Amino acid sequence: MKAVVCNAFGPPEHLTVEERPDPEPGEGQLLVEVKAAPVTFPDTLMLEDKYQFKAPPPYIPGGEVAGIVAAVGEGVVEWAVGDRVVGGLGVTGAFAQLALVHAAGARRLPDNVGFGEATGLNYAYGTSLYGLKYRGDLQEGETMLVLGAGGNVGLSAVELGKIMGARVIAAASTEEKLDLCRERGADETINYATENLKERAKELTGGQGVDVVYDCVGGDYAEQALRAIAWEGRFLVVGFTAGIPSLPLNLTLLKSCQVVGVFYGAMTAREPEKGAAVTNELVEMTASGKLAPHVAGRYSLDDAGVAMRAMMDRKAAGKLIIEP
């Protein structure tokens, strides 16, 4: 099979496409012919050995795939060759023509759901649904501010927030990204490259502040968003593409608000039943047409480095996928 390989830590331009032996499914595993694999921000961090999960080179990047079952391992009875599937691999192995997926964590993919649209559900939409529903307790009629709304995870929060009945304020760094947010349902937008995030968010809420902050960015924007939160608001900590912030905790006392971590990957390991419920709900939403994940860019194996560079430079508006 052909696969994208990271032979040494460094920039995505150093990735190569190589011939690798076809993997064989072990007990409880599925061999999947990969049709699509999402490019995620953690993938880019791992390239430079900056992520909490380490993958010593050489390794194949990517942690999730959608495709067709090509073979089943010993003990697998609920899957058959030819079934459409989406599932996680852990943290590596996805950017290839074939990949191994644990059958217990795989989900059937309805015929009316595209491979590219389905993959990344667990990473982006899983994180957002877990964060908004289980950690942020977002209620119909509440106002939510999404930082980094033009990215894959942020855009998923915009879409799910609207499905859950919230008024969504999307904040991003370019008008192109904000145009996409409006297309995907955002009620209001803030360009934090040209506008004061705190002042604009307060203005859009009549001075009351936002009920929920969904922060994929961190950096200097986090404190501005916290200062724009309402009484008893919930600040969801999701990611740090602009750096890890330092927050003045006196604000949490003054606003009687909560700062809540959202670590979807760890939750699925600790609470697999809840993880399965989140995934099943997302697949059902997609199959019914209620949710239509946006694919911003499709790349071949040869262009995987180009896709990862776009992710690293925060030029991607929406989800990027590799299609082997």
Protein backbone atom coordinates (compact mmCIF):
# COMPACT_ATOMS: atom_id res chain seq x y z
CA MET A 1 0.00 0.00 0.00
CA LYS A 2 0.96 3.66 -0.32
CA ALA A 3 1.21 5.74 2.84
CA VAL A 4 2.31 9.17 4.03
CA VAL A 5 5.32 8.76 6.33
CA CYS A 6 6.94 11.06 8.88
CA ASN A 7 10.54 9.81 8.99
CA ALA A 8 11.80 12.53 11.34
CA PHE A 9 10.19 15.29 13.38
CA GLY A 10 9.95 18.50 11.38
CA PRO A 11 7.78 20.53 8.99
CA PRO A 12 5.07 18.89 6.84
CA GLU A 13 7.12 19.60 3.72
CA HIS A 14 9.42 16.75 4.83
CA LEU A 15 6.66 14.12 4.66
CA THR A 16 7.11 11.42 2.02
CA VAL A 17 4.78 8.96 0.28
CA GLU A 18 6.17 5.44 0.45
CA GLU A 19 5.24 1.86 -0.28
CA ARG A 20 4.53 0.02 2.97
CA PRO A 21 3.48 -3.61 3.63
CA ASP A 22 -0.27 -4.10 3.74
CA PRO A 23 -1.36 -4.44 7.39
CA GLU A 24 -3.08 -7.63 8.55
CA PRO A 25 -6.07 -7.43 10.93
CA GLY A 26 -5.46 -8.94 14.33
CA GLU A 27 -8.00 -10.18 16.82
CA GLY A 28 -10.92 -7.74 17.11
CA GLN A 29 -9.67 -5.57 14.25
CA LEU A 30 -10.95 -4.45 10.85
CA LEU A 31 -8.77 -3.83 7.83
CA VAL A 32 -10.27 -0.76 6.14
CA GLU A 33 -9.76 0.48 2.60
CA VAL A 34 -9.40 4.17 3.41
CA LYS A 35 -11.66 6.53 1.45
CA ALA A 36 -11.13 9.61 3.64
CA ALA A 37 -9.12 10.71 6.69
CA PRO A 38 -9.36 14.10 8.41
CA VAL A 39 -6.42 16.43 8.96
CA THR A 40 -6.47 17.69 12.56
CA PHE A 41 -4.47 20.22 14.54
CA PRO A 42 -3.01 17.51 16.82
CA ASP A 43 -1.68 15.80 13.68
CA THR A 44 0.38 18.90 12.94
CA LEU A 45 1.64 19.17 16.52
CA MET A 46 2.81 15.55 16.43
CA LEU A 47 4.91 16.25 13.34
CA GLU A 48 7.12 18.52 15.44
CA ASP A 49 6.90 16.45 18.66
CA LYS A 50 4.80 19.12 20.39
CA TYR A 51 1.77 17.01 21.35
CA GLN A 52 1.04 15.13 24.58
CA PHE A 53 0.81 11.87 22.65
CA LYS A 54 4.14 10.84 21.12
CA ALA A 55 4.69 8.83 17.95
CA PRO A 56 8.36 7.99 17.37
CA PRO A 57 9.31 8.22 13.67
CA PRO A 58 8.87 6.64 11.28
CA TYR A 59 5.09 6.76 11.58
CA ILE A 60 2.01 7.33 9.43
CA PRO A 61 0.04 10.44 10.53
CA GLY A 62 -3.72 10.58 11.06
CA GLY A 63 -6.02 9.10 13.69
CA GLU A 64 -9.39 8.43 12.04
CA VAL A 65 -10.70 6.98 8.79
CA ALA A 66 -13.87 6.34 6.84
CA GLY A 67 -13.91 3.59 4.26
CA ILE A 68 -14.88 0.06 3.34
CA VAL A 69 -14.08 -3.10 5.33
CA ALA A 70 -11.49 -5.09 3.34
CA ALA A 71 -10.92 -7.90 5.87
CA VAL A 72 -11.91 -8.85 9.42
CA GLY A 73 -9.76 -10.21 12.20
CA GLU A 74 -10.35 -13.18 14.48
CA GLY A 75 -13.37 -12.86 16.74
CA VAL A 76 -15.10 -10.20 14.65
CA VAL A 77 -18.65 -11.35 13.87
CA GLU A 78 -20.65 -8.13 13.52
CA TRP A 79 -18.73 -6.83 10.48
CA ALA A 80 -18.29 -8.19 6.96
CA VAL A 81 -16.16 -7.36 3.94
CA GLY A 82 -17.81 -4.53 2.00
CA ASP A 83 -19.40 -2.78 5.00
CA ARG A 84 -19.08 1.01 5.12
CA VAL A 85 -17.36 2.11 8.33
CA VAL A 86 -15.97 5.09 10.22
CA GLY A 87 -13.65 4.68 13.17
CA GLY A 88 -10.61 5.81 15.11
CA LEU A 89 -7.12 4.34 14.99
CA GLY A 90 -5.71 6.01 18.06
CA VAL A 91 -3.28 8.74 16.97
CA THR A 92 -1.50 7.36 13.89
CA GLY A 93 -1.99 5.26 10.77
CA ALA A 94 -4.77 6.98 8.81
CA PHE A 95 -2.98 8.68 5.89
CA ALA A 96 -2.66 5.47 3.88
CA GLN A 97 -4.58 3.30 1.45
CA LEU A 98 -5.25 0.73 4.20
CA ALA A 99 -5.64 1.09 7.97
CA LEU A 100 -6.50 -1.04 11.00
CA VAL A 101 -9.53 -0.06 13.11
CA HIS A 102 -10.70 -1.69 16.34
CA ALA A 103 -14.08 -3.23 15.60
CA ALA A 104 -15.44 -2.35 19.05
CA GLY A 105 -14.97 1.37 18.39
CA ALA A 106 -16.09 1.40 14.77
CA ARG A 107 -19.46 2.70 13.58
CA ARG A 108 -21.52 1.74 10.55
CA LEU A 109 -21.81 4.44 7.95
CA PRO A 110 -25.23 4.82 6.28
CA ASP A 111 -25.26 4.71 2.49
CA ASN A 112 -26.46 8.32 2.23
CA VAL A 113 -23.50 9.73 4.21
CA GLY A 114 -20.31 10.54 2.29
CA PHE A 115 -16.97 9.24 3.49
CA GLY A 116 -15.46 12.72 3.60
CA GLU A 117 -18.43 14.12 5.50
CA ALA A 118 -18.39 11.27 8.02
CA THR A 119 -14.73 11.20 8.92
CA GLY A 120 -13.75 13.78 11.49
CA LEU A 121 -17.10 13.45 13.24
CA ASN A 122 -15.41 12.05 16.32
CA TYR A 123 -12.62 14.62 16.37
CA ALA A 124 -14.48 17.84 15.64
CA TYR A 125 -18.18 17.16 16.08
CA GLY A 126 -17.59 14.68 18.89
CA THR A 127 -15.59 17.27 20.79
CA SER A 128 -18.24 19.90 20.23
CA LEU A 129 -21.26 17.76 21.09
CA TYR A 130 -19.55 16.46 24.22
CA GLY A 131 -18.51 19.99 25.16
CA LEU A 132 -21.82 21.72 24.51
CA LYS A 133 -24.18 19.02 25.76
CA TYR A 134 -22.31 17.25 28.55
CA ARG A 135 -19.83 19.87 29.80
CA GLY A 136 -21.42 23.21 28.96
CA ASP A 137 -25.08 22.27 29.41
CA LEU A 138 -26.01 24.57 26.53
CA GLN A 139 -29.73 25.32 26.59
CA GLU A 140 -32.14 26.44 23.89
CA GLY A 141 -32.30 30.23 23.76
CA GLU A 142 -28.88 30.80 25.33
CA THR A 143 -26.13 32.78 23.61
CA MET A 144 -22.84 31.12 22.75
CA LEU A 145 -19.55 32.70 21.62
CA VAL A 146 -17.27 30.47 19.53
CA LEU A 147 -13.59 31.41 19.24
CA GLY A 148 -11.76 30.00 16.24
CA ALA A 149 -15.13 29.51 14.58
CA GLY A 150 -13.67 29.23 11.09
CA GLY A 151 -11.65 26.12 11.87
CA ASN A 152 -12.81 22.51 11.81
CA VAL A 153 -13.68 22.21 15.51
CA GLY A 154 -15.02 25.76 15.86
CA LEU A 155 -17.26 25.41 12.83
CA SER A 156 -18.68 22.18 14.23
CA ALA A 157 -19.59 24.08 17.41
CA VAL A 158 -21.36 26.75 15.33
CA GLU A 159 -23.43 24.10 13.55
CA LEU A 160 -24.27 22.05 16.63
CA GLY A 161 -25.04 25.17 18.67
CA LYS A 162 -27.67 26.15 16.12
CA ILE A 163 -29.13 22.62 16.11
CA MET A 164 -29.38 22.85 19.91
CA GLY A 165 -31.32 26.13 19.64
CA ALA A 166 -28.68 28.61 20.78
CA ARG A 167 -27.96 32.08 19.43
CA VAL A 168 -24.44 31.68 18.03
CA ILE A 169 -21.82 34.44 17.81
CA ALA A 170 -18.89 33.26 15.68
CA ALA A 171 -15.47 34.87 16.14
CA ALA A 172 -12.62 34.35 13.67
CA SER A 173 -9.66 36.18 12.15
CA THR A 174 -10.75 36.74 8.54
CA GLU A 175 -13.88 37.78 6.68
CA GLU A 176 -13.62 34.66 4.52
CA LYS A 177 -13.92 32.47 7.61
CA LEU A 178 -16.79 34.58 8.97
CA ASP A 179 -18.64 34.31 5.65
CA LEU A 180 -18.45 30.53 6.01
CA CYS A 181 -19.70 30.76 9.61
CA ARG A 182 -22.73 32.73 8.47
CA GLU A 183 -23.38 30.16 5.74
CA ARG A 184 -23.30 27.43 8.40
CA GLY A 185 -25.79 29.19 10.67
CA ALA A 186 -24.00 31.81 12.81
CA ASP A 187 -26.37 34.59 13.92
CA GLU A 188 -23.65 37.19 14.51
CA THR A 189 -19.92 37.41 13.79
CA ILE A 190 -16.87 39.12 15.25
CA ASN A 191 -13.59 39.64 13.39
CA TYR A 192 -11.15 39.67 16.28
CA ALA A 193 -8.35 40.83 13.98
CA THR A 194 -10.12 44.17 13.54
CA GLU A 195 -12.67 44.36 16.40
CA ASN A 196 -12.37 44.28 20.18
CA LEU A 197 -13.67 40.84 21.10
CA LYS A 198 -14.90 41.69 24.59
CA GLU A 199 -16.58 44.97 23.66
CA ARG A 200 -18.26 43.57 20.55
CA ALA A 201 -19.53 40.47 22.38
CA LYS A 202 -20.97 42.64 25.16
CA GLU A 203 -22.56 44.92 22.57
CA LEU A 204 -24.19 42.00 20.75
CA THR A 205 -25.71 40.80 24.04
CA GLY A 206 -27.00 44.15 25.24
CA GLY A 207 -24.32 44.29 27.91
CA GLN A 208 -25.39 41.00 29.51
CA GLY A 209 -22.56 38.87 28.16
CA VAL A 210 -22.62 35.38 26.63
CA ASP A 211 -23.88 32.29 28.43
CA VAL A 212 -21.29 29.91 26.97
CA VAL A 213 -17.81 30.52 25.56
CA TYR A 214 -16.41 27.76 23.33
CA ASP A 215 -12.67 28.47 23.10
CA CYS A 216 -10.59 26.61 20.50
CA VAL A 217 -7.95 29.35 20.38
CA GLY A 218 -6.65 30.40 23.79
CA GLY A 219 -3.89 33.01 23.73
CA ASP A 220 -4.85 36.62 24.39
CA TYR A 221 -8.40 36.01 23.19
CA ALA A 222 -9.29 33.81 26.16
CA GLU A 223 -9.23 36.60 28.75
CA GLN A 224 -11.22 38.92 26.47
CA ALA A 225 -13.87 36.23 26.08
CA LEU A 226 -13.95 35.54 29.83
CA ARG A 227 -14.53 39.24 30.44
CA ALA A 228 -17.52 39.03 28.08
CA ILE A 229 -19.15 36.09 29.86
CA ALA A 230 -22.51 36.42 31.60
CA TRP A 231 -23.40 35.76 35.23
CA GLU A 232 -23.12 32.00 35.85
CA GLY A 233 -21.72 31.50 32.35
CA ARG A 234 -19.65 28.49 31.29
CA PHE A 235 -16.23 28.89 29.67
CA LEU A 236 -15.31 25.73 27.74
CA VAL A 237 -11.58 25.14 27.30
CA VAL A 238 -11.15 23.21 24.04
CA GLY A 239 -7.80 24.09 22.45
CA PHE A 240 -4.84 26.45 22.25
CA THR A 241 -3.97 27.24 18.63
CA ALA A 242 -2.87 30.74 19.73
CA GLY A 243 -1.07 29.51 22.86
CA ILE A 244 -1.97 28.49 26.42
CA PRO A 245 -3.54 31.48 28.24
CA SER A 246 -3.30 32.69 31.82
CA LEU A 247 -6.73 33.65 33.13
CA PRO A 248 -7.41 36.05 36.05
CA LEU A 249 -9.42 33.79 38.34
CA ASN A 250 -10.95 36.74 40.17
CA LEU A 251 -13.25 37.06 37.15
CA THR A 252 -14.73 33.63 37.87
CA LEU A 253 -15.69 34.85 41.34
CA LEU A 254 -17.09 38.18 40.14
CA LYS A 255 -19.21 36.50 37.48
CA SER A 256 -19.89 33.30 39.42
CA CYS A 257 -18.92 31.47 36.23
CA GLN A 258 -17.30 28.12 35.51
CA VAL A 259 -14.15 27.28 33.54
CA VAL A 260 -14.64 23.77 32.21
CA GLY A 261 -12.20 21.49 30.40
CA VAL A 262 -13.34 19.55 27.32
CA PHE A 263 -11.10 16.53 26.58
CA TYR A 264 -13.16 14.31 24.31
CA GLY A 265 -10.43 11.76 23.62
CA ALA A 266 -9.81 11.05 27.29
CA MET A 267 -13.55 10.84 27.95
CA THR A 268 -14.03 8.15 25.30
CA ALA A 269 -11.30 6.06 26.96
CA ARG A 270 -12.70 6.53 30.47
CA GLU A 271 -16.40 6.40 29.57
CA PRO A 272 -16.75 4.33 26.37
CA GLU A 273 -20.54 4.12 26.66
CA LYS A 274 -20.84 7.91 26.67
CA GLY A 275 -18.38 8.12 23.77
CA ALA A 276 -20.47 5.64 21.78
CA ALA A 277 -23.63 7.63 22.54
CA VAL A 278 -22.03 10.82 21.21
CA THR A 279 -20.86 9.09 18.02
CA ASN A 280 -24.21 7.39 17.44
CA GLU A 281 -26.05 10.70 17.88
CA LEU A 282 -23.77 12.39 15.35
CA VAL A 283 -24.15 9.62 12.77
CA GLU A 284 -27.94 9.77 13.19
CA MET A 285 -27.92 13.57 12.78
CA THR A 286 -25.87 13.24 9.60
CA ALA A 287 -27.95 10.41 8.14
CA SER A 288 -31.18 12.35 8.78
CA GLY A 289 -29.83 15.48 7.11
CA LYS A 290 -30.03 17.55 10.28
CA LEU A 291 -26.23 17.86 10.25
CA ALA A 292 -24.26 18.34 7.02
CA PRO A 293 -20.53 18.57 7.85
CA HIS A 294 -18.62 20.98 5.61
CA VAL A 295 -15.53 19.73 3.76
CA ALA A 296 -13.34 22.71 2.83
CA GLY A 297 -10.54 20.87 1.05
CA ARG A 298 -9.79 17.42 -0.35
CA TYR A 299 -6.17 16.31 -0.82
CA SER A 300 -4.38 13.27 -2.21
CA LEU A 301 -1.67 11.39 -0.30
CA ASP A 302 0.94 13.28 -2.32
CA ASP A 303 -0.51 16.60 -1.11
CA ALA A 304 -0.88 15.64 2.57
CA GLY A 305 1.96 18.01 3.48
CA VAL A 306 0.15 20.87 1.73
CA ALA A 307 -3.00 20.14 3.74
CA MET A 308 -1.09 20.01 7.02
CA ARG A 309 0.69 23.28 6.23
CA ALA A 310 -2.69 24.95 5.62
CA MET A 311 -3.85 23.64 9.01
CA MET A 312 -0.67 24.79 10.78
CA ASP A 313 -0.89 28.27 9.28
CA ARG A 314 -4.58 28.53 10.21
CA LYS A 315 -5.59 29.08 6.60
CA ALA A 316 -8.17 26.28 6.59
CA ALA A 317 -11.81 27.36 6.79
CA GLY A 318 -13.54 24.15 7.79
CA LYS A 319 -12.49 20.50 7.55
CA LEU A 320 -9.59 19.25 5.43
CA ILE A 321 -9.44 15.60 4.43
CA ILE A 322 -7.02 13.20 2.77
CA GLU A 323 -8.54 10.93 0.10
CA PRO A 324 -6.11 8.07 -0.69
